[in-house]
Each structure stands twice: as C-alpha cells, then as structure tokens.
Amino acid sequence: MRHRLAYLAVVPAVLLSACATLLGPRDVDIPLSRLQEALASRFPFQNRYLDLLDISVSNPRLALQPETNRVVTSMDASFAPPFLNQPFKGSLAVSGRLQVDMSRNALVLAEPKVENFAVNGQQVPYANQLAKIGSLVAEQLLQDVPLYTFKPEDFRYGGTRFLPTKITTRSNGLVVTFEPVK
C-alpha cells in the first residue's frame, strides 16, 4: 500500500515536469502606445549645466525601426545661456537598442546615440558645442530608461521559469520572446 501511495505521488510530479519541458517559447506583445506613455512620463526634463546653460527637453515622440531593430526618440529641446534673453530652440533625435534589464524586469533603452540635432535658425553661435551638450543630455536622459516593466507571470508559467531571448521591433510595437529555462 505504501509503495502504491508513493507511486501515485511520483507519477503526477513526473508528468508535470514532462509537460513543463514541452512548453515552447511565449511571446509578449508590447504596443507602441504603452512605450510612448512610459517615455512621456519622464518629461519635461529641465536642468542647468555648469551654471552656464539651462536645458529643457520636452514632447518625446517614439518611433520603432524594424529594419535596424532600434527605437528612435525625437524631442523638442531648448538651450538658454543666462546671458541671452532668448533661448536656442530645436530638436533632438536619439536612437537606441532595446534590452531586458533582469534586475528590474524591465525593457530599457541601451546604447543611446544622437541621430540628429538641429537648432532652429541658421546663424547660431556655438552650434557645435550645443550639439555636444545635446548629445550628453540625451545620453544621460535616456540611458537605461525603463520603457516597459514585465509582469512576474511573464517570467514563470506552469511551474516553469522563462527568460527573454529575443526582441523583435515592428512598426506598431515590440514582441519579446520568452523561452523556458532548461
């Protein structure tokens, strides 16, 4: 009788573990609108650098680039030296690669790179210096910014642990593929 009870307890456990190994990859779809919301919550951004330059960045617009598997964030920028009455206004575009930060269970923007920096008006003194500062600001502002936080159930299903293995960029959203840990 004892062997029979032990057998009845072991058989379901073996069957469950066999089923877990049969689980295949799972996809989590993240729409562009959710990513845009998460990014917009961090703006406007204002800061003063070296007591020489007031910087304001606002109105972020996120676009996905399926062909390069990157995202591009365009934003309005304003640079105001305290000795001038009128700020320089323009736009800034930064691209980045997406990766999953396992410590935060979040999708983050990694390796931000300034794609475009434009100041309205043709004759802007120190345009090159402003571009360098704009690059620095963009990298500080967007490096490792969480664009999406995964739910705990995205990493565990049916008693099996899943890890993200691939991020696919589409024009209207992202697909993150999770595979069972073996």
Protein backbone atom coordinates (compact mmCIF):
# COMPACT_ATOMS: atom_id res chain seq x y z
CA MET A 1 0.00 0.00 0.00
CA ARG A 2 2.84 2.36 0.87
CA HIS A 3 4.55 1.77 -2.48
CA ARG A 4 1.30 2.39 -4.23
CA LEU A 5 0.85 5.80 -2.48
CA ALA A 6 4.42 6.77 -3.26
CA TYR A 7 3.86 5.74 -6.86
CA LEU A 8 0.69 7.85 -7.05
CA ALA A 9 2.57 10.86 -5.70
CA VAL A 10 5.56 10.48 -8.01
CA VAL A 11 3.67 9.88 -11.26
CA PRO A 12 1.88 13.28 -11.32
CA ALA A 13 5.13 15.08 -10.46
CA VAL A 14 6.93 13.36 -13.32
CA LEU A 15 4.07 14.12 -15.70
CA LEU A 16 4.03 17.79 -14.67
CA SER A 17 7.76 18.16 -15.18
CA ALA A 18 7.46 16.45 -18.57
CA CYS A 19 4.72 18.91 -19.54
CA ALA A 20 6.88 21.84 -18.45
CA THR A 21 9.65 20.78 -20.81
CA LEU A 22 7.11 20.62 -23.62
CA LEU A 23 6.27 24.30 -23.17
CA GLY A 24 7.71 26.26 -26.02
CA PRO A 25 8.55 29.91 -26.49
CA ARG A 26 5.97 32.52 -25.49
CA ASP A 27 5.62 35.99 -26.99
CA VAL A 28 4.73 39.15 -25.10
CA ASP A 29 3.36 41.90 -27.35
CA ILE A 30 4.04 45.48 -26.27
CA PRO A 31 2.16 48.14 -28.26
CA LEU A 32 3.89 51.37 -29.26
CA SER A 33 1.32 53.38 -27.26
CA ARG A 34 2.45 51.73 -23.98
CA LEU A 35 6.08 52.52 -24.74
CA GLN A 36 5.17 56.11 -25.62
CA GLU A 37 3.27 56.52 -22.33
CA ALA A 38 6.21 55.26 -20.27
CA LEU A 39 8.61 57.61 -22.03
CA ALA A 40 6.30 60.64 -21.82
CA SER A 41 6.02 60.22 -18.05
CA ARG A 42 9.70 61.24 -17.72
CA PHE A 43 9.23 64.60 -19.45
CA PRO A 44 9.60 67.54 -19.43
CA PHE A 45 13.22 67.43 -18.30
CA GLN A 46 14.97 70.59 -17.16
CA ASN A 47 18.49 71.04 -15.87
CA ARG A 48 21.26 73.61 -15.57
CA TYR A 49 24.75 72.60 -16.64
CA LEU A 50 27.81 74.20 -15.05
CA ASP A 51 25.70 77.27 -14.18
CA LEU A 52 26.14 78.26 -17.83
CA LEU A 53 23.29 76.66 -19.70
CA ASP A 54 19.65 75.95 -18.91
CA ILE A 55 18.38 72.96 -20.87
CA SER A 56 14.79 71.93 -21.34
CA VAL A 57 13.70 68.81 -23.23
CA SER A 58 10.03 68.03 -23.87
CA ASN A 59 7.47 66.39 -26.11
CA PRO A 60 9.12 62.99 -26.71
CA ARG A 61 7.96 61.03 -29.74
CA LEU A 62 8.90 57.38 -30.03
CA ALA A 63 9.27 55.57 -33.36
CA LEU A 64 10.25 51.97 -33.97
CA GLN A 65 12.68 50.94 -36.71
CA PRO A 66 12.01 47.31 -37.65
CA GLU A 67 14.80 47.29 -40.24
CA THR A 68 17.50 48.05 -37.64
CA ASN A 69 15.69 46.66 -34.55
CA ARG A 70 16.18 50.03 -32.80
CA VAL A 71 13.93 52.74 -31.45
CA VAL A 72 14.22 56.45 -32.16
CA THR A 73 13.10 59.15 -29.76
CA SER A 74 12.61 62.66 -31.13
CA MET A 75 12.10 65.54 -28.73
CA ASP A 76 11.97 69.30 -28.60
CA ALA A 77 14.98 70.97 -26.98
CA SER A 78 15.68 74.44 -25.67
CA PHE A 79 19.12 75.76 -24.66
CA ALA A 80 19.31 79.06 -22.79
CA PRO A 81 22.58 80.64 -21.73
CA PRO A 82 21.80 83.01 -18.81
CA PHE A 83 23.43 85.94 -20.63
CA LEU A 84 20.99 85.74 -23.57
CA ASN A 85 17.36 86.84 -23.45
CA GLN A 86 16.14 84.27 -25.95
CA PRO A 87 16.84 80.54 -25.83
CA PHE A 88 18.01 78.49 -28.79
CA LYS A 89 15.24 76.07 -29.75
CA GLY A 90 15.48 72.97 -31.84
CA SER A 91 15.00 69.24 -31.93
CA LEU A 92 16.96 66.19 -30.92
CA ALA A 93 16.65 62.60 -32.18
CA VAL A 94 18.23 59.73 -30.28
CA SER A 95 18.22 56.06 -31.24
CA GLY A 96 18.90 53.11 -29.01
CA ARG A 97 18.96 49.35 -28.82
CA LEU A 98 16.43 47.60 -26.61
CA GLN A 99 17.46 45.10 -23.97
CA VAL A 100 15.90 43.47 -20.93
CA ASP A 101 17.28 44.52 -17.56
CA MET A 102 16.72 41.37 -15.48
CA SER A 103 17.36 43.13 -12.16
CA ARG A 104 14.37 45.43 -12.78
CA ASN A 105 12.33 43.07 -15.00
CA ALA A 106 12.18 45.96 -17.45
CA LEU A 107 12.74 46.70 -21.10
CA VAL A 108 15.30 49.51 -21.30
CA LEU A 109 16.94 51.68 -23.92
CA ALA A 110 20.64 50.86 -24.15
CA GLU A 111 23.47 52.50 -26.08
CA PRO A 112 21.69 55.77 -26.90
CA LYS A 113 23.15 57.54 -29.90
CA VAL A 114 22.29 61.02 -31.18
CA GLU A 115 20.97 60.67 -34.72
CA ASN A 116 20.07 64.27 -35.35
CA PHE A 117 20.45 67.59 -33.58
CA ALA A 118 19.00 70.69 -35.18
CA VAL A 119 18.76 74.23 -33.86
CA ASN A 120 16.11 76.47 -35.39
CA GLY A 121 17.71 79.37 -37.24
CA GLN A 122 20.80 79.43 -39.41
CA GLN A 123 23.26 81.62 -37.52
CA VAL A 124 23.58 80.04 -34.10
CA PRO A 125 26.84 80.79 -32.32
CA TYR A 126 28.45 77.75 -30.74
CA ALA A 127 26.23 75.30 -32.67
CA ASN A 128 28.87 72.54 -32.42
CA GLN A 129 29.16 72.99 -28.66
CA LEU A 130 25.37 72.93 -28.29
CA ALA A 131 25.27 69.70 -30.29
CA LYS A 132 27.83 68.11 -27.96
CA ILE A 133 25.89 69.20 -24.90
CA GLY A 134 22.69 67.95 -26.51
CA SER A 135 24.33 64.57 -27.01
CA LEU A 136 25.41 64.42 -23.41
CA VAL A 137 21.94 65.36 -22.16
CA ALA A 138 20.24 62.81 -24.39
CA GLU A 139 22.53 60.02 -23.27
CA GLN A 140 22.04 60.88 -19.60
CA LEU A 141 18.31 61.23 -20.01
CA LEU A 142 17.66 58.03 -21.95
CA GLN A 143 20.38 55.57 -20.88
CA ASP A 144 18.72 52.55 -19.25
CA VAL A 145 15.29 54.23 -19.10
CA PRO A 146 12.61 51.59 -18.40
CA LEU A 147 10.15 51.64 -21.29
CA TYR A 148 8.15 48.66 -20.08
CA THR A 149 8.06 46.61 -16.89
CA PHE A 150 7.21 42.94 -17.26
CA LYS A 151 4.73 41.17 -15.02
CA PRO A 152 6.00 38.32 -12.81
CA GLU A 153 3.89 35.84 -14.81
CA ASP A 154 5.89 36.73 -17.95
CA PHE A 155 8.87 35.00 -16.31
CA ARG A 156 7.03 31.99 -14.85
CA TYR A 157 4.27 29.83 -16.30
CA GLY A 158 3.09 26.33 -15.45
CA GLY A 159 5.81 25.94 -12.85
CA THR A 160 8.50 26.69 -15.44
CA ARG A 161 10.83 29.68 -15.46
CA PHE A 162 11.07 31.68 -18.70
CA LEU A 163 13.77 34.09 -19.82
CA PRO A 164 13.62 36.67 -22.62
CA THR A 165 15.71 35.59 -25.60
CA LYS A 166 14.71 37.90 -28.43
CA ILE A 167 13.23 41.36 -29.02
CA THR A 168 11.59 41.96 -32.38
CA THR A 169 10.76 45.51 -33.42
CA ARG A 170 7.69 46.08 -35.56
CA SER A 171 6.25 49.36 -36.79
CA ASN A 172 3.38 49.30 -34.25
CA GLY A 173 5.04 47.61 -31.27
CA LEU A 174 7.52 45.10 -29.94
CA VAL A 175 7.43 41.35 -29.48
CA VAL A 176 9.58 39.92 -26.70
CA THR A 177 10.09 36.15 -26.96
CA PHE A 178 10.45 34.19 -23.74
CA GLU A 179 11.85 30.64 -23.72
CA PRO A 180 11.66 28.07 -20.94
CA VAL A 181 14.79 27.63 -18.86
CA LYS A 182 16.01 24.04 -19.14
